[in-house]
Protein backbone atom coordinates (compact mmCIF):
# COMPACT_ATOMS: atom_id res chain seq x y z
CA MET A 1 199.80 29.50 124.13
CA GLY A 2 199.10 29.76 120.42
CA ILE A 3 201.12 30.77 117.38
CA LEU A 4 202.41 34.31 116.76
CA VAL A 5 200.90 36.01 119.85
CA SER A 6 200.27 34.97 123.46
CA LYS A 7 200.10 36.23 127.03
CA GLN A 8 203.80 37.03 126.68
CA THR A 9 203.20 39.48 123.82
CA LYS A 10 204.04 43.09 124.73
CA ALA A 11 202.56 45.29 122.04
CA ILE A 12 202.79 48.87 120.97
CA VAL A 13 200.08 50.63 118.93
CA GLN A 14 201.35 52.86 116.13
CA GLY A 15 198.71 55.51 115.42
CA ILE A 16 197.15 55.11 118.87
CA THR A 17 195.87 58.71 118.97
CA GLY A 18 193.78 58.30 115.80
CA SER A 19 190.10 57.38 115.99
CA GLN A 20 190.60 53.75 114.91
CA GLY A 21 193.81 53.28 116.89
CA GLY A 22 192.25 54.62 120.07
CA PHE A 23 188.98 52.70 119.65
CA HIS A 24 190.60 49.33 119.03
CA THR A 25 193.24 49.88 121.72
CA ARG A 26 190.39 50.00 124.23
CA LEU A 27 188.91 46.75 122.89
CA MET A 28 192.29 45.00 122.85
CA LEU A 29 192.93 46.07 126.45
CA ASP A 30 189.49 44.81 127.42
CA TYR A 31 190.39 41.42 125.93
CA GLY A 32 193.51 41.23 128.06
CA THR A 33 196.12 42.09 125.45
CA HIS A 34 199.28 43.48 127.06
CA ILE A 35 199.62 46.85 125.33
CA VAL A 36 202.59 48.66 126.83
CA ALA A 37 202.82 51.85 124.75
CA GLY A 38 201.51 53.87 121.85
CA VAL A 39 203.36 55.87 119.19
CA THR A 40 202.27 59.01 117.37
CA PRO A 41 204.89 61.55 116.25
CA GLY A 42 204.32 64.86 117.99
CA ARG A 43 202.07 63.39 120.68
CA GLY A 44 204.76 62.02 122.98
CA GLY A 45 204.09 62.56 126.67
CA THR A 46 200.32 62.14 126.38
CA GLN A 47 198.22 59.07 127.27
CA VAL A 48 195.42 57.06 125.61
CA HIS A 49 193.36 54.83 127.90
CA GLY A 50 196.17 55.09 130.43
CA ILE A 51 198.75 53.92 127.88
CA PRO A 52 201.80 56.22 127.52
CA VAL A 53 202.36 57.69 124.07
CA TYR A 54 205.82 58.27 122.56
CA ASP A 55 207.05 60.15 119.51
CA THR A 56 209.04 57.18 118.15
CA VAL A 57 208.94 53.40 118.26
CA GLU A 58 212.56 53.40 119.41
CA GLU A 59 211.60 55.32 122.58
CA ALA A 60 208.65 53.04 123.27
CA VAL A 61 210.71 49.86 122.87
CA LYS A 62 213.52 51.23 125.02
CA GLU A 63 211.12 52.06 127.86
CA HIS A 64 208.87 48.99 127.72
CA GLU A 65 210.73 46.08 126.01
CA ALA A 66 207.93 45.55 123.52
CA ASN A 67 208.11 42.66 121.05
CA ALA A 68 205.18 43.36 118.69
CA SER A 69 203.47 46.26 116.97
CA ILE A 70 200.03 46.87 115.49
CA ILE A 71 199.77 49.67 112.93
CA PHE A 72 196.77 51.98 112.50
CA VAL A 73 198.48 54.52 110.25
CA PRO A 74 197.04 56.01 106.99
CA ALA A 75 198.14 54.19 103.84
CA PRO A 76 200.66 56.80 102.56
CA PHE A 77 202.63 56.55 105.82
CA ALA A 78 202.05 52.92 106.82
CA ALA A 79 205.20 51.58 105.16
CA ASP A 80 207.37 54.06 107.06
CA ALA A 81 205.65 52.96 110.28
CA ALA A 82 206.44 49.32 109.47
CA PHE A 83 210.09 50.10 108.69
CA GLU A 84 210.35 52.00 111.98
CA ALA A 85 208.94 49.04 113.92
CA MET A 86 211.35 46.60 112.24
CA ASP A 87 214.35 48.91 112.71
CA SER A 88 213.50 49.03 116.43
CA GLY A 89 213.83 45.25 116.71
CA LEU A 90 210.17 44.22 116.77
CA LYS A 91 209.70 40.76 115.26
CA THR A 92 205.90 40.67 114.89
CA VAL A 93 204.23 43.51 112.98
CA VAL A 94 200.47 43.61 112.29
CA ILE A 95 199.41 46.12 109.62
CA ILE A 96 195.68 46.87 109.80
CA THR A 97 195.88 49.62 107.13
CA GLU A 98 194.40 48.75 103.73
CA HIS A 99 195.26 49.94 100.21
CA ILE A 100 198.93 50.53 100.93
CA PRO A 101 200.63 51.24 97.57
CA VAL A 102 201.85 47.96 96.06
CA LYS A 103 205.41 49.25 95.69
CA ASP A 104 205.47 50.12 99.40
CA ALA A 105 204.12 46.70 100.37
CA ILE A 106 206.76 44.91 98.27
CA GLN A 107 209.52 46.88 99.97
CA VAL A 108 208.10 46.16 103.44
CA MET A 109 207.91 42.42 102.79
CA ALA A 110 211.42 42.27 101.36
CA TYR A 111 212.82 44.13 104.36
CA ALA A 112 210.87 41.89 106.76
CA LYS A 113 212.28 38.76 105.10
CA GLN A 114 215.83 40.10 105.36
CA ASN A 115 215.38 40.83 109.06
CA GLY A 116 213.42 37.76 110.17
CA VAL A 117 210.26 39.73 110.92
CA VAL A 118 206.75 38.25 110.65
CA VAL A 119 204.36 40.71 108.98
CA ILE A 120 200.62 40.05 109.24
CA GLY A 121 198.67 42.05 106.68
CA PRO A 122 198.29 44.68 105.38
CA ASN A 123 194.50 45.02 105.21
CA THR A 124 194.10 42.36 107.90
CA PRO A 125 191.77 41.96 110.88
CA GLY A 126 194.89 40.88 112.77
CA VAL A 127 195.80 37.82 114.80
CA MET A 128 194.18 36.39 117.90
CA THR A 129 195.09 33.59 120.27
CA THR A 130 191.75 33.02 121.96
CA GLY A 131 191.61 33.77 125.66
CA GLU A 132 195.13 35.23 125.64
CA CYS A 133 195.83 38.01 123.17
CA LYS A 134 194.03 39.93 120.44
CA LEU A 135 196.25 42.03 118.20
CA GLY A 136 193.64 43.24 115.76
CA VAL A 137 190.07 44.38 115.20
CA MET A 138 188.14 41.10 115.50
CA PRO A 139 184.85 41.10 117.48
CA ALA A 140 185.97 39.05 120.47
CA HIS A 141 182.53 37.77 121.47
CA VAL A 142 182.25 35.30 118.55
CA PHE A 143 185.54 33.58 119.38
CA LYS A 144 185.93 30.85 122.02
CA PRO A 145 189.07 28.96 123.09
CA GLY A 146 189.28 25.65 121.29
CA ILE A 147 191.17 23.37 118.93
CA VAL A 148 190.67 24.76 115.41
CA GLY A 149 193.32 27.02 113.90
CA MET A 150 191.96 29.55 111.41
CA ALA A 151 193.84 31.15 108.51
CA SER A 152 191.86 33.55 106.36
CA ARG A 153 191.93 36.19 103.62
CA SER A 154 188.58 37.61 104.72
CA GLY A 155 187.81 39.34 108.02
CA THR A 156 184.02 39.07 108.01
CA LEU A 157 184.05 35.44 106.86
CA THR A 158 186.48 34.69 109.68
CA TYR A 159 183.97 36.05 112.19
CA GLU A 160 181.05 34.15 110.62
CA ILE A 161 182.88 30.83 110.50
CA ALA A 162 184.36 31.34 113.99
CA ALA A 163 180.84 31.88 115.34
CA GLY A 164 179.80 28.60 113.73
CA LEU A 165 182.76 26.76 115.26
CA SER A 166 182.03 28.26 118.68
CA ALA A 167 178.38 27.21 118.45
CA LYS A 168 179.51 23.68 117.60
CA GLY A 169 181.70 23.55 120.71
CA LEU A 170 184.94 23.40 118.74
CA GLY A 171 186.32 26.88 119.36
CA GLN A 172 189.57 28.27 117.99
CA SER A 173 193.25 28.07 118.98
CA THR A 174 194.70 30.96 116.95
CA CYS A 175 193.06 32.94 114.15
CA VAL A 176 195.27 34.63 111.56
CA GLY A 177 194.02 37.13 108.99
CA LEU A 178 196.48 37.08 106.09
CA GLY A 179 195.08 40.30 104.61
CA GLY A 180 193.08 41.23 101.52
CA ASP A 181 195.61 43.37 99.61
CA PRO A 182 197.55 41.99 96.61
CA ILE A 183 200.84 41.86 98.56
CA VAL A 184 200.74 40.45 102.09
CA GLY A 185 203.22 39.06 104.59
CA LEU A 186 202.35 35.56 105.75
CA SER A 187 201.10 32.92 103.32
CA PHE A 188 198.65 30.11 104.00
CA VAL A 189 201.47 27.56 103.73
CA GLU A 190 203.55 29.34 106.38
CA VAL A 191 200.59 29.48 108.77
CA LEU A 192 199.73 25.81 108.12
CA LYS A 193 203.29 24.84 109.09
CA MET A 194 202.90 26.80 112.35
CA PHE A 195 199.59 25.09 113.10
CA GLU A 196 201.10 21.67 112.42
CA ARG A 197 203.71 22.34 115.13
CA ASP A 198 201.16 23.80 117.57
CA GLU A 199 200.01 21.28 120.16
CA HIS A 200 196.83 23.28 120.84
CA THR A 201 195.63 23.02 117.22
CA GLU A 202 193.97 19.77 116.15
CA ALA A 203 192.42 20.91 112.84
CA VAL A 204 192.51 23.89 110.48
CA ALA A 205 189.83 26.03 108.86
CA LEU A 206 191.23 27.77 105.78
CA ILE A 207 189.22 30.66 104.30
CA GLY A 208 190.30 31.67 100.83
CA GLU A 209 188.90 33.87 98.09
CA ILE A 210 189.30 34.58 94.40
CA GLY A 211 192.49 36.22 93.14
CA GLY A 212 196.13 35.26 93.42
CA ASN A 213 197.42 31.72 93.89
CA LEU A 214 197.78 31.35 97.68
CA GLU A 215 195.14 28.62 97.80
CA GLU A 216 196.66 26.69 94.89
CA LEU A 217 200.02 26.77 96.69
CA VAL A 218 198.34 25.23 99.76
CA ALA A 219 196.92 22.45 97.62
CA GLU A 220 200.34 21.78 96.08
CA PHE A 221 201.94 21.78 99.55
CA VAL A 222 199.39 19.35 101.00
CA PHE A 223 199.56 17.10 97.92
CA THR A 224 203.36 16.89 97.83
CA GLN A 225 204.30 17.18 101.51
CA GLY A 226 201.23 15.76 103.25
CA TYR A 227 199.56 17.28 106.32
CA THR A 228 198.91 15.57 109.61
CA LYS A 229 195.85 17.56 110.72
CA PRO A 230 192.39 17.77 109.12
CA ILE A 231 191.80 20.83 106.90
CA VAL A 232 188.47 22.22 105.73
CA ALA A 233 188.58 25.07 103.22
CA PHE A 234 186.04 27.61 102.03
CA VAL A 235 186.59 29.74 98.92
CA ALA A 236 184.66 33.00 98.58
CA GLY A 237 183.73 34.51 95.22
CA ARG A 238 182.29 31.59 93.29
CA THR A 239 179.98 33.87 91.29
CA ALA A 240 182.43 36.76 90.79
CA PRO A 241 182.66 38.03 87.17
CA PRO A 242 186.15 38.11 85.62
CA GLY A 243 187.97 41.45 85.74
CA LYS A 244 185.93 42.86 88.62
CA ARG A 245 187.53 43.52 91.98
CA MET A 246 185.31 41.97 94.66
CA GLY A 247 185.73 43.68 98.01
CA HIS A 248 189.48 43.25 98.41
CA ALA A 249 192.21 44.68 96.22
CA GLY A 250 193.66 41.18 95.95
CA ALA A 251 190.33 39.57 95.00
CA ILE A 252 190.36 39.93 91.23
CA ILE A 253 190.31 37.26 88.52
CA MET A 254 192.61 37.79 85.56
CA GLY A 255 191.94 35.31 82.76
CA LYS A 256 191.70 31.80 84.15
CA THR A 257 194.04 32.51 87.04
CA GLY A 258 192.64 32.89 90.53
CA THR A 259 189.09 31.70 89.92
CA ALA A 260 187.10 30.01 92.66
CA ARG A 261 186.76 26.92 90.46
CA SER A 262 190.55 26.58 89.98
CA LYS A 263 191.10 26.87 93.73
CA ILE A 264 188.36 24.41 94.64
CA GLU A 265 189.57 21.87 92.07
CA ALA A 266 193.13 22.19 93.38
CA PHE A 267 191.97 21.61 96.97
CA GLU A 268 189.85 18.60 96.02
CA ALA A 269 192.70 17.08 94.01
CA ALA A 270 194.90 17.38 97.10
CA GLY A 271 192.29 15.72 99.32
CA VAL A 272 191.30 18.91 101.16
CA SER A 273 187.57 19.07 102.00
CA VAL A 274 185.88 22.20 100.60
CA ALA A 275 182.76 23.64 102.21
CA GLU A 276 180.05 24.89 99.84
CA LYS A 277 178.78 27.46 102.35
CA PRO A 278 180.46 29.14 105.36
CA GLY A 279 178.06 27.33 107.68
CA ASP A 280 179.32 23.96 106.41
CA VAL A 281 182.87 24.47 107.74
CA ALA A 282 182.02 23.66 111.37
CA ARG A 283 179.98 20.61 110.38
CA LEU A 284 182.72 19.17 108.18
CA LEU A 285 185.38 19.74 110.84
CA ALA A 286 183.16 18.15 113.50
CA GLU A 287 182.77 15.08 111.30
CA LYS A 288 186.51 14.84 110.71
CA LEU A 289 187.30 15.18 114.40
CA GLY A 290 184.64 12.79 115.70
CA LYS A 291 181.18 14.24 115.36
CA GLU A 292 179.61 12.82 118.50
CA LYS A 293 182.18 14.58 120.70
CA TYR A 294 181.16 18.07 119.64
CA ILE A 295 177.38 18.01 119.22
């Protein structure tokens, strides 16, 4: 049992009949995720991988008592899909879609906050509680059940660092991709609080990148509130030139705000260990947790 998703999660896939929705539905089913229905307007009554498809989320929830949704819907329509999921009573919504218009994303997050809904993403690889539930697009073979919670702004770096943790024998409890767009649902601080309460998580790997101030807010939180579990951070984009977007819409330096150096200095001032390379994260966590136990 991890944070956000578990064996008890009953998920619907919005956009299940699309190429990405159908492909990743198969992989999520293979992992053991309990997908109960799909939704594509106009395709109700059909099936994808044996999963019944409905025209609306309301129908799917009524028939199957779902409690989560994952959205594979093109950017112009993704916000409407999220509103539909929230209006149908779903409390966990994962938005895989990237480059949703900023105005749409702001409205989705405001509505989610008003209604007590957790939004993961947009532009996220999703969330995974290892060995139980994968609500996303992560390559399952690099993840192993373990004790390290992962919170990340980068999908590919999540996979690389997870592979390093797995090779070290540490494994992961739950992995959360915050998303790479400028406006996202969960923050690092919110996920850290969840990990602190989670008995299956003994340490945290935090994967940040240039742009925004999410990492600085973590440093402020740790410095002022304290944190009971070891954290190792990695910040991507050390050599990024100012004013250039680097991969993610949210990864852009404006002036002195959001640079890798400002984030690293904030972490170090708060006592958070910062890895120089992705491969160093597993080593630093192993040292913090008792190196001889994991090698």
